[in-house]
Amino acid sequence: MWWIWISPTFIKLFTPNQIAGITIFPSIILESNQQKQDKTFINHELIHIYQQMELFVIPFILLYYIEFFLRFIQYKDAQTAYRNISFEKEAYANETNYNYLKTRKWFSFVKYW
């Protein structure tokens, strides 16, 4: 199972300003307690938990940052690069489908490359 931590300090120190949460298996670290009640936000982060379980954590992180770097070269904009990372595209596309994780196939993020 996963754990949800509230750590505004961690979020502010280790992520860009617009990021409100980060998932590092098996934890979801949030900026505020209100985010725990946001079903869509939590579902988005749970999709990242599944992605990290598939790839194991370190390879996931490496692929995430390599893809971000390549997308940044492609788009020359950090926000656009972030939104076009395959892991994020899968999570954003399915964050409002609360049954997605019940039917999600392994390595589904590949469809979003």
Protein backbone atom coordinates (compact mmCIF):
# COMPACT_ATOMS: atom_id res chain seq x y z
CA MET A 1 0.00 0.00 0.00
CA TRP A 2 1.04 3.61 -0.29
CA TRP A 3 1.53 6.39 2.25
CA ILE A 4 0.48 10.00 1.93
CA TRP A 5 2.72 12.61 3.57
CA ILE A 6 2.05 16.30 3.93
CA SER A 7 5.30 18.21 3.58
CA PRO A 8 5.12 21.76 2.22
CA THR A 9 8.82 22.21 2.98
CA PHE A 10 9.83 19.17 0.89
CA ILE A 11 7.65 20.28 -2.02
CA LYS A 12 8.98 23.86 -1.97
CA LEU A 13 12.63 22.81 -1.64
CA PHE A 14 12.75 19.94 -4.10
CA THR A 15 10.23 20.69 -6.86
CA PRO A 16 9.41 23.57 -9.21
CA ASN A 17 6.96 26.14 -7.82
CA GLN A 18 3.90 24.89 -9.72
CA ILE A 19 4.26 21.28 -8.48
CA ALA A 20 1.88 20.48 -5.61
CA GLY A 21 2.81 16.83 -5.08
CA ILE A 22 5.38 14.21 -5.90
CA THR A 23 5.23 10.44 -5.90
CA ILE A 24 8.22 8.36 -4.88
CA PHE A 25 7.12 4.77 -4.38
CA PRO A 26 5.53 3.92 -2.03
CA SER A 27 4.79 7.49 -0.91
CA ILE A 28 2.79 10.41 -2.22
CA ILE A 29 4.11 13.67 -0.81
CA LEU A 30 1.64 16.55 -0.89
CA GLU A 31 1.95 20.26 -0.28
CA SER A 32 -1.30 20.56 1.70
CA ASN A 33 -3.74 18.44 3.64
CA GLN A 34 -6.63 19.50 1.35
CA GLN A 35 -5.05 17.57 -1.52
CA LYS A 36 -5.77 14.30 0.30
CA GLN A 37 -9.47 14.95 -0.40
CA ASP A 38 -8.94 15.63 -4.13
CA LYS A 39 -9.87 12.31 -5.80
CA THR A 40 -8.55 13.37 -9.18
CA PHE A 41 -5.19 14.52 -7.82
CA ILE A 42 -4.74 11.32 -5.78
CA ASN A 43 -5.76 9.14 -8.75
CA HIS A 44 -3.15 10.93 -10.88
CA GLU A 45 -0.47 10.19 -8.28
CA LEU A 46 -1.61 6.57 -7.91
CA ILE A 47 -1.10 6.08 -11.64
CA HIS A 48 2.53 7.13 -11.03
CA ILE A 49 2.74 4.54 -8.22
CA TYR A 50 1.77 1.82 -10.71
CA GLN A 51 4.26 3.13 -13.29
CA GLN A 52 7.01 3.05 -10.68
CA MET A 53 6.09 -0.49 -9.62
CA GLU A 54 6.40 -1.65 -13.24
CA LEU A 55 9.78 -0.10 -13.85
CA PHE A 56 11.07 -0.14 -10.30
CA VAL A 57 11.77 3.25 -8.86
CA ILE A 58 15.27 4.14 -10.08
CA PRO A 59 14.70 3.22 -13.77
CA PHE A 60 11.39 5.13 -13.65
CA ILE A 61 13.11 8.25 -12.33
CA LEU A 62 15.91 7.98 -14.90
CA LEU A 63 13.46 7.52 -17.78
CA TYR A 64 11.28 10.34 -16.45
CA TYR A 65 14.16 12.83 -16.44
CA ILE A 66 15.63 11.62 -19.73
CA GLU A 67 12.26 12.05 -21.39
CA PHE A 68 11.81 15.47 -19.76
CA PHE A 69 15.22 16.53 -21.11
CA LEU A 70 14.36 15.30 -24.63
CA ARG A 71 10.95 17.00 -24.53
CA PHE A 72 12.56 20.21 -23.28
CA ILE A 73 14.89 20.17 -26.29
CA GLN A 74 11.88 19.48 -28.51
CA TYR A 75 9.55 22.16 -27.08
CA LYS A 76 12.02 24.61 -25.49
CA ASP A 77 9.57 25.14 -22.62
CA ALA A 78 9.67 23.34 -19.25
CA GLN A 79 5.89 23.23 -18.69
CA THR A 80 5.20 21.90 -22.20
CA ALA A 81 8.00 19.37 -21.81
CA TYR A 82 6.57 18.19 -18.48
CA ARG A 83 3.04 17.81 -19.89
CA ASN A 84 4.41 15.71 -22.78
CA ILE A 85 6.33 13.15 -20.72
CA SER A 86 4.65 9.82 -21.47
CA PHE A 87 4.17 9.07 -17.75
CA GLU A 88 2.41 12.41 -17.25
CA LYS A 89 0.35 12.07 -20.42
CA GLU A 90 -1.01 8.74 -19.20
CA ALA A 91 -1.72 10.13 -15.72
CA TYR A 92 -3.44 13.30 -16.98
CA ALA A 93 -5.45 11.39 -19.61
CA ASN A 94 -6.83 8.99 -17.01
CA GLU A 95 -6.89 10.93 -13.74
CA THR A 96 -10.68 11.33 -13.80
CA ASN A 97 -11.29 7.67 -14.63
CA TYR A 98 -11.45 6.29 -11.10
CA ASN A 99 -11.65 2.69 -12.36
CA TYR A 100 -8.60 3.05 -14.61
CA LEU A 101 -6.19 1.28 -12.30
CA LYS A 102 -8.50 -1.74 -12.11
CA THR A 103 -8.29 -2.29 -15.87
CA ARG A 104 -4.92 -0.70 -16.71
CA LYS A 105 -2.57 -2.96 -18.63
CA TRP A 106 1.10 -3.15 -17.68
CA PHE A 107 3.35 -0.56 -19.34
CA SER A 108 0.36 1.45 -20.62
CA PHE A 109 2.47 4.61 -20.58
CA VAL A 110 4.19 3.33 -23.76
CA LYS A 111 1.03 4.23 -25.72
CA TYR A 112 1.67 7.87 -24.82
CA TRP A 113 5.19 8.15 -26.29
